[in-house]
Amino acid sequence: MLYVKRKDPRVEVEGFTGDIADGNFVFEGVIKNVSSNGFMMENLPQNFSASNQNYITVVSGHGKHYRLIVVPCWKQTVSNSRFLEVGFKIVQTSWEWSELILNEVASATLTRNIGFQA
């Protein structure tokens, strides 16, 4: 699914997890959607502080690993759950991550816009 009301298109992805370190602990979550400037991670425990600081995260999926420096933008508790969803802004990343996101957004856009007009 492609979210188009955002400044940067956001695309749902499957098969990506993230390990995020706050300096004391490492938390594991699932990457739900991505854009060129951020991503949303779900299944983080409620004791993840999501304070306004830089975090180092390693996103893994499809046999590759991407090291990112991120800062939380928002968080919300999932109803009837003990887990959080957290939106992150990417502060620093690698070219490989940027290339992956460009390909994911382009693929989702093509899939969404396929059609013929007579």
PDB file of N, CA and C in Angstrom:
ATOM      1  N   MET A   1       0.854  -1.174   0.000  1.00  0.00           N
ATOM      2  CA  MET A   1       0.000   0.000   0.000  1.00  0.00           C
ATOM      3  C   MET A   1       0.896   1.233   0.000  1.00  0.00           C
ATOM      4  N   LEU A   2       0.520   2.244  -0.770  1.00  0.00           N
ATOM      5  CA  LEU A   2       1.279   3.482  -0.883  1.00  0.00           C
ATOM      6  C   LEU A   2       0.494   4.595  -0.221  1.00  0.00           C
ATOM      7  N   TYR A   3       1.110   5.288   0.744  1.00  0.00           N
ATOM      8  CA  TYR A   3       0.489   6.417   1.410  1.00  0.00           C
ATOM      9  C   TYR A   3       0.913   7.686   0.661  1.00  0.00           C
ATOM     10  N   VAL A   4      -0.016   8.390   0.024  1.00  0.00           N
ATOM     11  CA  VAL A   4       0.359   9.526  -0.810  1.00  0.00           C
ATOM     12  C   VAL A   4       0.032  10.879  -0.197  1.00  0.00           C
ATOM     13  N   LYS A   5      -0.643  10.954   0.938  1.00  0.00           N
ATOM     14  CA  LYS A   5      -0.959  12.241   1.551  1.00  0.00           C
ATOM     15  C   LYS A   5       0.206  12.789   2.358  1.00  0.00           C
ATOM     16  N   ARG A   6       1.304  12.108   2.366  1.00  0.00           N
ATOM     17  CA  ARG A   6       2.474  12.513   3.130  1.00  0.00           C
ATOM     18  C   ARG A   6       3.408  13.325   2.245  1.00  0.00           C
ATOM     19  N   LYS A   7       4.319  14.042   2.873  1.00  0.00           N
ATOM     20  CA  LYS A   7       5.335  14.791   2.128  1.00  0.00           C
ATOM     21  C   LYS A   7       6.174  13.845   1.271  1.00  0.00           C
ATOM     22  N   ASP A   8       6.584  12.740   1.860  1.00  0.00           N
ATOM     23  CA  ASP A   8       7.330  11.702   1.143  1.00  0.00           C
ATOM     24  C   ASP A   8       6.466  10.453   1.097  1.00  0.00           C
ATOM     25  N   PRO A   9       6.349   9.829  -0.080  1.00  0.00           N
ATOM     26  CA  PRO A   9       5.525   8.606  -0.161  1.00  0.00           C
ATOM     27  C   PRO A   9       6.013   7.548   0.815  1.00  0.00           C
ATOM     28  N   ARG A  10       5.081   6.901   1.485  1.00  0.00           N
ATOM     29  CA  ARG A  10       5.387   5.850   2.450  1.00  0.00           C
ATOM     30  C   ARG A  10       4.811   4.545   1.918  1.00  0.00           C
ATOM     31  N   VAL A  11       5.598   3.487   1.982  1.00  0.00           N
ATOM     32  CA  VAL A  11       5.234   2.203   1.408  1.00  0.00           C
ATOM     33  C   VAL A  11       5.268   1.131   2.481  1.00  0.00           C
ATOM     34  N   GLU A  12       4.248   0.282   2.518  1.00  0.00           N
ATOM     35  CA  GLU A  12       4.259  -0.858   3.433  1.00  0.00           C
ATOM     36  C   GLU A  12       5.265  -1.878   2.925  1.00  0.00           C
ATOM     37  N   VAL A  13       6.010  -2.467   3.856  1.00  0.00           N
ATOM     38  CA  VAL A  13       7.007  -3.482   3.514  1.00  0.00           C
ATOM     39  C   VAL A  13       6.794  -4.707   4.390  1.00  0.00           C
ATOM     40  N   GLU A  14       7.288  -5.833   3.903  1.00  0.00           N
ATOM     41  CA  GLU A  14       7.212  -7.077   4.665  1.00  0.00           C
ATOM     42  C   GLU A  14       8.602  -7.678   4.765  1.00  0.00           C
ATOM     43  N   GLY A  15       8.836  -8.362   5.868  1.00  0.00           N
ATOM     44  CA  GLY A  15      10.086  -9.088   6.021  1.00  0.00           C
ATOM     45  C   GLY A  15      11.244  -8.272   6.556  1.00  0.00           C
ATOM     46  N   PHE A  16      10.967  -7.107   7.154  1.00  0.00           N
ATOM     47  CA  PHE A  16      12.030  -6.286   7.717  1.00  0.00           C
ATOM     48  C   PHE A  16      11.846  -6.154   9.223  1.00  0.00           C
ATOM     49  N   THR A  17      12.933  -6.348   9.954  1.00  0.00           N
ATOM     50  CA  THR A  17      12.933  -6.147  11.398  1.00  0.00           C
ATOM     51  C   THR A  17      13.982  -5.091  11.731  1.00  0.00           C
ATOM     52  N   GLY A  18      13.880  -4.553  12.924  1.00  0.00           N
ATOM     53  CA  GLY A  18      14.854  -3.560  13.358  1.00  0.00           C
ATOM     54  C   GLY A  18      15.286  -3.818  14.784  1.00  0.00           C
ATOM     55  N   ASP A  19      16.581  -3.718  15.018  1.00  0.00           N
ATOM     56  CA  ASP A  19      17.137  -3.752  16.368  1.00  0.00           C
ATOM     57  C   ASP A  19      17.581  -2.338  16.673  1.00  0.00           C
ATOM     58  N   ILE A  20      17.020  -1.755  17.733  1.00  0.00           N
ATOM     59  CA  ILE A  20      17.292  -0.358  18.050  1.00  0.00           C
ATOM     60  C   ILE A  20      17.892  -0.262  19.448  1.00  0.00           C
ATOM     61  N   ALA A  21      18.994   0.480  19.554  1.00  0.00           N
ATOM     62  CA  ALA A  21      19.720   0.602  20.819  1.00  0.00           C
ATOM     63  C   ALA A  21      19.530   1.990  21.399  1.00  0.00           C
ATOM     64  N   ASP A  22      19.268   2.038  22.717  1.00  0.00           N
ATOM     65  CA  ASP A  22      19.115   3.331  23.387  1.00  0.00           C
ATOM     66  C   ASP A  22      20.306   3.661  24.286  1.00  0.00           C
ATOM     67  N   GLY A  23      21.357   2.880  24.190  1.00  0.00           N
ATOM     68  CA  GLY A  23      22.534   3.091  25.038  1.00  0.00           C
ATOM     69  C   GLY A  23      22.616   2.108  26.183  1.00  0.00           C
ATOM     70  N   ASN A  24      21.461   1.600  26.631  1.00  0.00           N
ATOM     71  CA  ASN A  24      21.416   0.619  27.711  1.00  0.00           C
ATOM     72  C   ASN A  24      20.861  -0.724  27.259  1.00  0.00           C
ATOM     73  N   PHE A  25      19.877  -0.684  26.387  1.00  0.00           N
ATOM     74  CA  PHE A  25      19.190  -1.893  25.944  1.00  0.00           C
ATOM     75  C   PHE A  25      19.067  -1.903  24.433  1.00  0.00           C
ATOM     76  N   VAL A  26      18.855  -3.088  23.895  1.00  0.00           N
ATOM     77  CA  VAL A  26      18.539  -3.247  22.479  1.00  0.00           C
ATOM     78  C   VAL A  26      17.133  -3.809  22.401  1.00  0.00           C
ATOM     79  N   PHE A  27      16.287  -3.158  21.615  1.00  0.00           N
ATOM     80  CA  PHE A  27      14.899  -3.569  21.441  1.00  0.00           C
ATOM     81  C   PHE A  27      14.704  -4.031  20.006  1.00  0.00           C
ATOM     82  N   GLU A  28      13.861  -5.039  19.829  1.00  0.00           N
ATOM     83  CA  GLU A  28      13.563  -5.524  18.487  1.00  0.00           C
ATOM     84  C   GLU A  28      12.133  -5.172  18.125  1.00  0.00           C
ATOM     85  N   GLY A  29      11.952  -4.717  16.896  1.00  0.00           N
ATOM     86  CA  GLY A  29      10.626  -4.400  16.390  1.00  0.00           C
ATOM     87  C   GLY A  29      10.500  -4.828  14.942  1.00  0.00           C
ATOM     88  N   VAL A  30       9.333  -4.602  14.392  1.00  0.00           N
ATOM     89  CA  VAL A  30       9.033  -4.959  13.001  1.00  0.00           C
ATOM     90  C   VAL A  30       8.829  -3.662  12.230  1.00  0.00           C
ATOM     91  N   ILE A  31       9.491  -3.536  11.085  1.00  0.00           N
ATOM     92  CA  ILE A  31       9.329  -2.367  10.234  1.00  0.00           C
ATOM     93  C   ILE A  31       8.049  -2.563   9.427  1.00  0.00           C
ATOM     94  N   LYS A  32       7.110  -1.652   9.586  1.00  0.00           N
ATOM     95  CA  LYS A  32       5.819  -1.776   8.904  1.00  0.00           C
ATOM     96  C   LYS A  32       5.781  -1.000   7.592  1.00  0.00           C
ATOM     97  N   ASN A  33       6.309   0.230   7.599  1.00  0.00           N
ATOM     98  CA  ASN A  33       6.339   1.003   6.365  1.00  0.00           C
ATOM     99  C   ASN A  33       7.551   1.924   6.366  1.00  0.00           C
ATOM    100  N   VAL A  34       7.944   2.350   5.160  1.00  0.00           N
ATOM    101  CA  VAL A  34       9.155   3.154   4.987  1.00  0.00           C
ATOM    102  C   VAL A  34       8.898   4.302   4.028  1.00  0.00           C
ATOM    103  N   SER A  35       9.724   5.330   4.150  1.00  0.00           N
ATOM    104  CA  SER A  35       9.770   6.410   3.172  1.00  0.00           C
ATOM    105  C   SER A  35      11.227   6.812   3.028  1.00  0.00           C
ATOM    106  N   SER A  36      11.499   7.795   2.196  1.00  0.00           N
ATOM    107  CA  SER A  36      12.889   8.203   2.003  1.00  0.00           C
ATOM    108  C   SER A  36      13.469   8.844   3.254  1.00  0.00           C
ATOM    109  N   ASN A  37      12.621   9.369   4.127  1.00  0.00           N
ATOM    110  CA  ASN A  37      13.114  10.072   5.317  1.00  0.00           C
ATOM    111  C   ASN A  37      12.762   9.407   6.636  1.00  0.00           C
ATOM    112  N   GLY A  38      12.076   8.263   6.613  1.00  0.00           N
ATOM    113  CA  GLY A  38      11.699   7.656   7.874  1.00  0.00           C
ATOM    114  C   GLY A  38      11.072   6.295   7.722  1.00  0.00           C
ATOM    115  N   PHE A  39      10.624   5.759   8.846  1.00  0.00           N
ATOM    116  CA  PHE A  39       9.918   4.479   8.853  1.00  0.00           C
ATOM    117  C   PHE A  39       9.103   4.367  10.127  1.00  0.00           C
ATOM    118  N   MET A  40       8.191   3.418  10.118  1.00  0.00           N
ATOM    119  CA  MET A  40       7.386   3.129  11.299  1.00  0.00           C
ATOM    120  C   MET A  40       7.728   1.726  11.768  1.00  0.00           C
ATOM    121  N   MET A  41       8.010   1.621  13.063  1.00  0.00           N
ATOM    122  CA  MET A  41       8.341   0.332  13.659  1.00  0.00           C
ATOM    123  C   MET A  41       7.243  -0.026  14.646  1.00  0.00           C
ATOM    124  N   GLU A  42       6.792  -1.277  14.592  1.00  0.00           N
ATOM    125  CA  GLU A  42       5.775  -1.751  15.523  1.00  0.00           C
ATOM    126  C   GLU A  42       6.347  -2.890  16.354  1.00  0.00           C
ATOM    127  N   ASN A  43       5.571  -3.311  17.346  1.00  0.00           N
ATOM    128  CA  ASN A  43       5.939  -4.389  18.263  1.00  0.00           C
ATOM    129  C   ASN A  43       7.109  -4.031  19.172  1.00  0.00           C
ATOM    130  N   LEU A  44       7.311  -2.748  19.415  1.00  0.00           N
ATOM    131  CA  LEU A  44       8.305  -2.339  20.410  1.00  0.00           C
ATOM    132  C   LEU A  44       7.660  -2.407  21.794  1.00  0.00           C
ATOM    133  N   PRO A  45       8.390  -2.860  22.802  1.00  0.00           N
ATOM    134  CA  PRO A  45       7.808  -2.927  24.143  1.00  0.00           C
ATOM    135  C   PRO A  45       7.539  -1.536  24.702  1.00  0.00           C
ATOM    136  N   GLN A  46       6.575  -1.436  25.593  1.00  0.00           N
ATOM    137  CA  GLN A  46       6.205  -0.142  26.161  1.00  0.00           C
ATOM    138  C   GLN A  46       7.328   0.491  26.977  1.00  0.00           C
ATOM    139  N   ASN A  47       8.311  -0.276  27.404  1.00  0.00           N
ATOM    140  CA  ASN A  47       9.409   0.322  28.154  1.00  0.00           C
ATOM    141  C   ASN A  47      10.450   0.973  27.236  1.00  0.00           C
ATOM    142  N   PHE A  48      10.230   0.952  25.921  1.00  0.00           N
ATOM    143  CA  PHE A  48      11.080   1.730  25.018  1.00  0.00           C
ATOM    144  C   PHE A  48      10.684   3.191  25.178  1.00  0.00           C
ATOM    145  N   SER A  49      11.640   4.039  25.564  1.00  0.00           N
ATOM    146  CA  SER A  49      11.300   5.410  25.960  1.00  0.00           C
ATOM    147  C   SER A  49      10.915   6.302  24.793  1.00  0.00           C
ATOM    148  N   ALA A  50      11.473   6.094  23.618  1.00  0.00           N
ATOM    149  CA  ALA A  50      11.212   6.948  22.449  1.00  0.00           C
ATOM    150  C   ALA A  50      11.427   8.416  22.780  1.00  0.00           C
ATOM    151  N   SER A  51      12.469   8.696  23.570  1.00  0.00           N
ATOM    152  CA  SER A  51      12.772  10.084  23.921  1.00  0.00           C
ATOM    153  C   SER A  51      13.427  10.793  22.736  1.00  0.00           C
ATOM    154  N   ASN A  52      13.475  12.091  22.802  1.00  0.00           N
ATOM    155  CA  ASN A  52      13.986  12.905  21.706  1.00  0.00           C
ATOM    156  C   ASN A  52      15.513  12.857  21.695  1.00  0.00           C
ATOM    157  N   GLN A  53      16.053  11.745  21.219  1.00  0.00           N
ATOM    158  CA  GLN A  53      17.495  11.558  21.120  1.00  0.00           C
ATOM    159  C   GLN A  53      17.779  10.703  19.893  1.00  0.00           C
ATOM    160  N   ASN A  54      19.018  10.660  19.477  1.00  0.00           N
ATOM    161  CA  ASN A  54      19.396   9.796  18.362  1.00  0.00           C
ATOM    162  C   ASN A  54      19.532   8.361  18.843  1.00  0.00           C
ATOM    163  N   TYR A  55      19.050   7.449  18.027  1.00  0.00           N
ATOM    164  CA  TYR A  55      19.165   6.018  18.286  1.00  0.00           C
ATOM    165  C   TYR A  55      19.877   5.372  17.110  1.00  0.00           C
ATOM    166  N   ILE A  56      20.657   4.356  17.402  1.00  0.00           N
ATOM    167  CA  ILE A  56      21.256   3.559  16.334  1.00  0.00           C
ATOM    168  C   ILE A  56      20.372   2.340  16.139  1.00  0.00           C
ATOM    169  N   THR A  57      20.036   2.076  14.885  1.00  0.00           N
ATOM    170  CA  THR A  57      19.235   0.897  14.585  1.00  0.00           C
ATOM    171  C   THR A  57      19.836   0.152  13.410  1.00  0.00           C
ATOM    172  N   VAL A  58      19.683  -1.145  13.440  1.00  0.00           N
ATOM    173  CA  VAL A  58      20.068  -1.983  12.311  1.00  0.00           C
ATOM    174  C   VAL A  58      18.785  -2.607  11.788  1.00  0.00           C
ATOM    175  N   VAL A  59      18.451  -2.264  10.556  1.00  0.00           N
ATOM    176  CA  VAL A  59      17.273  -2.818   9.902  1.00  0.00           C
ATOM    177  C   VAL A  59      17.740  -3.998   9.058  1.00  0.00           C
ATOM    178  N   SER A  60      17.080  -5.140   9.221  1.00  0.00           N
ATOM    179  CA  SER A  60      17.457  -6.355   8.508  1.00  0.00           C
ATOM    180  C   SER A  60      16.274  -6.873   7.717  1.00  0.00           C
ATOM    181  N   GLY A  61      16.557  -7.327   6.516  1.00  0.00           N
ATOM    182  CA  GLY A  61      15.517  -7.930   5.703  1.00  0.00           C
ATOM    183  C   GLY A  61      16.045  -8.374   4.357  1.00  0.00           C
ATOM    184  N   HIS A  62      15.486  -9.456   3.870  1.00  0.00           N
ATOM    185  CA  HIS A  62      15.844  -9.984   2.557  1.00  0.00           C
ATOM    186  C   HIS A  62      17.354 -10.214   2.430  1.00  0.00           C
ATOM    187  N   GLY A  63      17.967 -10.688   3.538  1.00  0.00           N
ATOM    188  CA  GLY A  63      19.377 -11.044   3.524  1.00  0.00           C
ATOM    189  C   GLY A  63      20.348  -9.887   3.644  1.00  0.00           C
ATOM    190  N   LYS A  64      19.864  -8.680   3.912  1.00  0.00           N
ATOM    191  CA  LYS A  64      20.750  -7.524   4.029  1.00  0.00           C
ATOM    192  C   LYS A  64      20.509  -6.803   5.350  1.00  0.00           C
ATOM    193  N   HIS A  65      21.510  -6.005   5.748  1.00  0.00           N
ATOM    194  CA  HIS A  65      21.453  -5.242   6.992  1.00  0.00           C
ATOM    195  C   HIS A  65      21.823  -3.793   6.689  1.00  0.00           C
ATOM    196  N   TYR A  66      21.061  -2.862   7.276  1.00  0.00           N
ATOM    197  CA  TYR A  66      21.259  -1.441   7.034  1.00  0.00           C
ATOM    198  C   TYR A  66      21.392  -0.738   8.383  1.00  0.00           C
ATOM    199  N   ARG A  67      22.487   0.001   8.570  1.00  0.00           N
ATOM    200  CA  ARG A  67      22.697   0.746   9.813  1.00  0.00           C
ATOM    201  C   ARG A  67      22.188   2.168   9.618  1.00  0.00           C
ATOM    202  N   LEU A  68      21.297   2.599  10.520  1.00  0.00           N
ATOM    203  CA  LEU A  68      20.687   3.917  10.428  1.00  0.00           C
ATOM    204  C   LEU A  68      20.800   4.628  11.774  1.00  0.00           C
ATOM    205  N   ILE A  69      20.895   5.936  11.731  1.00  0.00           N
ATOM    206  CA  ILE A  69      20.750   6.748  12.938  1.00  0.00           C
ATOM    207  C   ILE A  69      19.413   7.455  12.799  1.00  0.00           C
ATOM    208  N   VAL A  70      18.559   7.301  13.816  1.00  0.00           N
ATOM    209  CA  VAL A  70      17.185   7.791  13.735  1.00  0.00           C
ATOM    210  C   VAL A  70      16.809   8.547  15.005  1.00  0.00           C
ATOM    211  N   VAL A  71      15.742   9.332  14.893  1.00  0.00           N
ATOM    212  CA  VAL A  71      15.174  10.011  16.056  1.00  0.00           C
ATOM    213  C   VAL A  71      13.649   9.804  16.014  1.00  0.00           C
ATOM    214  N   PRO A  72      13.021   9.465  17.146  1.00  0.00           N
ATOM    215  CA  PRO A  72      11.568   9.264  17.154  1.00  0.00           C
ATOM    216  C   PRO A  72      10.817  10.567  16.891  1.00  0.00           C
ATOM    217  N   CYS A  73       9.740  10.464  16.121  1.00  0.00           N
ATOM    218  CA  CYS A  73       8.862  11.615  15.845  1.00  0.00           C
ATOM    219  C   CYS A  73       7.559  11.504  16.634  1.00  0.00           C
ATOM    220  N   TRP A  74       7.066  10.289  16.799  1.00  0.00           N
ATOM    221  CA  TRP A  74       5.816  10.056  17.504  1.00  0.00           C
ATOM    222  C   TRP A  74       5.800   8.614  17.996  1.00  0.00           C
ATOM    223  N   LYS A  75       4.922   8.364  18.969  1.00  0.00           N
ATOM    224  CA  LYS A  75       4.706   6.989  19.432  1.00  0.00           C
ATOM    225  C   LYS A  75       3.263   6.857  19.867  1.00  0.00           C
ATOM    226  N   GLN A  76       2.751   5.644  19.767  1.00  0.00           N
ATOM    227  CA  GLN A  76       1.395   5.367  20.244  1.00  0.00           C
ATOM    228  C   GLN A  76       1.332   3.925  20.720  1.00  0.00           C
ATOM    229  N   THR A  77       0.541   3.725  21.756  1.00  0.00           N
ATOM    230  CA  THR A  77       0.306   2.383  22.270  1.00  0.00           C
ATOM    231  C   THR A  77      -0.747   1.712  21.419  1.00  0.00           C
ATOM    232  N   VAL A  78      -0.482   0.481  21.052  1.00  0.00           N
ATOM    233  CA  VAL A  78      -1.449  -0.293  20.286  1.00  0.00           C
ATOM    234  C   VAL A  78      -2.548  -0.708  21.244  1.00  0.00           C
ATOM    235  N   SER A  79      -3.807  -0.456  20.851  1.00  0.00           N
ATOM    236  CA  SER A  79      -4.929  -0.754  21.744  1.00  0.00           C
ATOM    237  C   SER A  79      -4.946  -2.226  22.145  1.00  0.00           C
ATOM    238  N   ASN A  80      -5.302  -2.460  23.402  1.00  0.00           N
ATOM    239  CA  ASN A  80      -5.362  -3.805  23.980  1.00  0.00           C
ATOM    240  C   ASN A  80      -4.048  -4.561  23.821  1.00  0.00           C
ATOM    241  N   SER A  81      -2.953  -3.847  23.962  1.00  0.00           N
ATOM    242  CA  SER A  81      -1.651  -4.464  23.763  1.00  0.00           C
ATOM    243  C   SER A  81      -0.639  -3.829  24.710  1.00  0.00           C
ATOM    244  N   ARG A  82       0.476  -4.481  24.844  1.00  0.00           N
ATOM    245  CA  ARG A  82       1.564  -3.912  25.630  1.00  0.00           C
ATOM    246  C   ARG A  82       2.701  -3.451  24.718  1.00  0.00           C
ATOM    247  N   PHE A  83       2.370  -3.211  23.456  1.00  0.00           N
ATOM    248  CA  PHE A  83       3.367  -2.808  22.469  1.00  0.00           C
ATOM    249  C   PHE A  83       3.140  -1.393  21.962  1.00  0.00           C
ATOM    250  N   LEU A  84       4.215  -0.811  21.428  1.00  0.00           N
ATOM    251  CA  LEU A  84       4.179   0.530  20.859  1.00  0.00           C
ATOM    252  C   LEU A  84       4.390   0.486  19.348  1.00  0.00           C
ATOM    253  N   GLU A  85       3.852   1.478  18.682  1.00  0.00           N
ATOM    254  CA  GLU A  85       4.225   1.810  17.311  1.00  0.00           C
ATOM    255  C   GLU A  85       4.964   3.138  17.417  1.00  0.00           C
ATOM    256  N   VAL A  86       6.096   3.244  16.725  1.00  0.00           N
ATOM    257  CA  VAL A  86       6.903   4.460  16.800  1.00  0.00           C
ATOM    258  C   VAL A  86       7.302   4.875  15.390  1.00  0.00           C
ATOM    259  N   GLY A  87       7.111   6.159  15.094  1.00  0.00           N
ATOM    260  CA  GLY A  87       7.559   6.710  13.823  1.00  0.00           C
ATOM    261  C   GLY A  87       8.928   7.342  14.014  1.00  0.00           C
ATOM    262  N   PHE A  88       9.856   7.031  13.111  1.00  0.00           N
ATOM    263  CA  PHE A  88      11.223   7.530  13.208  1.00  0.00           C
ATOM    264  C   PHE A  88      11.583   8.366  11.991  1.00  0.00           C
ATOM    265  N   LYS A  89      12.328   9.419  12.233  1.00  0.00           N
ATOM    266  CA  LYS A  89      12.931  10.210  11.164  1.00  0.00           C
ATOM    267  C   LYS A  89      14.376   9.742  11.032  1.00  0.00           C
ATOM    268  N   ILE A  90      14.817   9.519   9.806  1.00  0.00           N
ATOM    269  CA  ILE A  90      16.190   9.074   9.575  1.00  0.00           C
ATOM    270  C   ILE A  90      17.116  10.288   9.567  1.00  0.00           C
ATOM    271  N   VAL A  91      18.129  10.241  10.415  1.00  0.00           N
ATOM    272  CA  VAL A  91      19.114  11.314  10.523  1.00  0.00           C
ATOM    273  C   VAL A  91      20.322  11.022   9.638  1.00  0.00           C
ATOM    274  N   GLN A  92      20.740   9.757   9.623  1.00  0.00           N
ATOM    275  CA  GLN A  92      21.894   9.356   8.816  1.00  0.00           C
ATOM    276  C   GLN A  92      21.693   7.933   8.335  1.00  0.00           C
ATOM    277  N   THR A  93      22.046   7.685   7.076  1.00  0.00           N
ATOM    278  CA  THR A  93      21.869   6.365   6.500  1.00  0.00           C
ATOM    279  C   THR A  93      22.941   6.102   5.454  1.00  0.00           C
ATOM    280  N   SER A  94      22.844   4.956   4.833  1.00  0.00           N
ATOM    281  CA  SER A  94      23.788   4.572   3.784  1.00  0.00           C
ATOM    282  C   SER A  94      23.124   4.689   2.414  1.00  0.00           C
ATOM    283  N   TRP A  95      23.938   4.676   1.392  1.00  0.00           N
ATOM    284  CA  TRP A  95      23.432   4.710   0.027  1.00  0.00           C
ATOM    285  C   TRP A  95      22.583   3.463  -0.262  1.00  0.00           C
ATOM    286  N   GLU A  96      22.976   2.314   0.296  1.00  0.00           N
ATOM    287  CA  GLU A  96      22.229   1.074   0.057  1.00  0.00           C
ATOM    288  C   GLU A  96      20.787   1.189   0.558  1.00  0.00           C
ATOM    289  N   TRP A  97      20.593   1.817   1.721  1.00  0.00           N
ATOM    290  CA  TRP A  97      19.235   2.021   2.248  1.00  0.00           C
ATOM    291  C   TRP A  97      18.449   2.949   1.320  1.00  0.00           C
ATOM    292  N   SER A  98      19.064   4.035   0.906  1.00  0.00           N
ATOM    293  CA  SER A  98      18.386   4.980   0.011  1.00  0.00           C
ATOM    294  C   SER A  98      17.975   4.302  -1.291  1.00  0.00           C
ATOM    295  N   GLU A  99      18.845   3.478  -1.827  1.00  0.00           N
ATOM    296  CA  GLU A  99      18.534   2.750  -3.061  1.00  0.00           C
ATOM    297  C   GLU A  99      17.371   1.783  -2.839  1.00  0.00           C
ATOM    298  N   LEU A 100      17.375   1.074  -1.715  1.00  0.00           N
ATOM    299  CA  LEU A 100      16.285   0.156  -1.387  1.00  0.00           C
ATOM    300  C   LEU A 100      14.953   0.901  -1.343  1.00  0.00           C
ATOM    301  N   ILE A 101      14.925   2.049  -0.674  1.00  0.00           N
ATOM    302  CA  ILE A 101      13.684   2.809  -0.526  1.00  0.00           C
ATOM    303  C   ILE A 101      13.216   3.327  -1.878  1.00  0.00           C
ATOM    304  N   LEU A 102      14.128   3.838  -2.678  1.00  0.00           N
ATOM    305  CA  LEU A 102      13.742   4.304  -4.015  1.00  0.00           C
ATOM    306  C   LEU A 102      13.107   3.174  -4.819  1.00  0.00           C
ATOM    307  N   ASN A 103      13.682   1.989  -4.742  1.00  0.00           N
ATOM    308  CA  ASN A 103      13.125   0.837  -5.461  1.00  0.00           C
ATOM    309  C   ASN A 103      11.762   0.429  -4.914  1.00  0.00           C
ATOM    310  N   GLU A 104      11.600   0.432  -3.577  1.00  0.00           N
ATOM    311  CA  GLU A 104      10.322   0.058  -2.966  1.00  0.00           C
ATOM    312  C   GLU A 104       9.223   1.045  -3.351  1.00  0.00           C
ATOM    313  N   VAL A 105       9.522   2.355  -3.292  1.00  0.00           N
ATOM    314  CA  VAL A 105       8.522   3.373  -3.630  1.00  0.00           C
ATOM    315  C   VAL A 105       8.178   3.292  -5.113  1.00  0.00           C
ATOM    316  N   ALA A 106       9.186   3.126  -5.965  1.00  0.00           N
ATOM    317  CA  ALA A 106       8.936   3.025  -7.405  1.00  0.00           C
ATOM    318  C   ALA A 106       8.091   1.800  -7.718  1.00  0.00           C
ATOM    319  N   SER A 107       8.389   0.684  -7.082  1.00  0.00           N
ATOM    320  CA  SER A 107       7.632  -0.550  -7.312  1.00  0.00           C
ATOM    321  C   SER A 107       6.181  -0.386  -6.874  1.00  0.00           C
ATOM    322  N   ALA A 108       5.962   0.216  -5.708  1.00  0.00           N
ATOM    323  CA  ALA A 108       4.594   0.425  -5.219  1.00  0.00           C
ATOM    324  C   ALA A 108       3.839   1.397  -6.110  1.00  0.00           C
ATOM    325  N   THR A 109       4.512   2.417  -6.617  1.00  0.00           N
ATOM    326  CA  THR A 109       3.871   3.388  -7.499  1.00  0.00           C
ATOM    327  C   THR A 109       3.470   2.721  -8.809  1.00  0.00           C
ATOM    328  N   LEU A 110       4.344   1.896  -9.368  1.00  0.00           N
ATOM    329  CA  LEU A 110       4.031   1.208 -10.612  1.00  0.00           C
ATOM    330  C   LEU A 110       2.844   0.264 -10.423  1.00  0.00           C
ATOM    331  N   THR A 111       2.861  -0.496  -9.332  1.00  0.00           N
ATOM    332  CA  THR A 111       1.780  -1.431  -9.057  1.00  0.00           C
ATOM    333  C   THR A 111       0.455  -0.697  -8.906  1.00  0.00           C
ATOM    334  N   ARG A 112       0.485   0.435  -8.263  1.00  0.00           N
ATOM    335  CA  ARG A 112      -0.728   1.226  -8.016  1.00  0.00           C
ATOM    336  C   ARG A 112      -1.253   1.871  -9.288  1.00  0.00           C
ATOM    337  N   ASN A 113      -0.348   2.280 -10.193  1.00  0.00           N
ATOM    338  CA  ASN A 113      -0.749   3.030 -11.366  1.00  0.00           C
ATOM    339  C   ASN A 113      -0.871   2.211 -12.641  1.00  0.00           C
ATOM    340  N   ILE A 114      -0.751   0.897 -12.519  1.00  0.00           N
ATOM    341  CA  ILE A 114      -0.879   0.076 -13.718  1.00  0.00           C
ATOM    342  C   ILE A 114      -2.313   0.127 -14.198  1.00  0.00           C
ATOM    343  N   GLY A 115      -2.482   0.399 -15.433  1.00  0.00           N
ATOM    344  CA  GLY A 115      -3.806   0.473 -16.034  1.00  0.00           C
ATOM    345  C   GLY A 115      -3.684   1.064 -17.418  1.00  0.00           C
ATOM    346  N   PHE A 116      -4.637   0.775 -18.219  1.00  0.00           N
ATOM    347  CA  PHE A 116      -4.600   1.272 -19.577  1.00  0.00           C
ATOM    348  C   PHE A 116      -5.846   2.071 -19.837  1.00  0.00           C
ATOM    349  N   GLN A 117      -5.683   3.094 -20.622  1.00  0.00           N
ATOM    350  CA  GLN A 117      -6.803   3.930 -20.959  1.00  0.00           C
ATOM    351  C   GLN A 117      -6.985   3.892 -22.459  1.00  0.00           C
ATOM    352  N   ALA A 118      -8.183   3.620 -22.924  1.00  0.00           N
ATOM    353  CA  ALA A 118      -8.437   3.523 -24.358  1.00  0.00           C
ATOM    354  C   ALA A 118      -8.737   4.895 -24.945  1.00  0.00           C
TER     355      ALA A 118
END
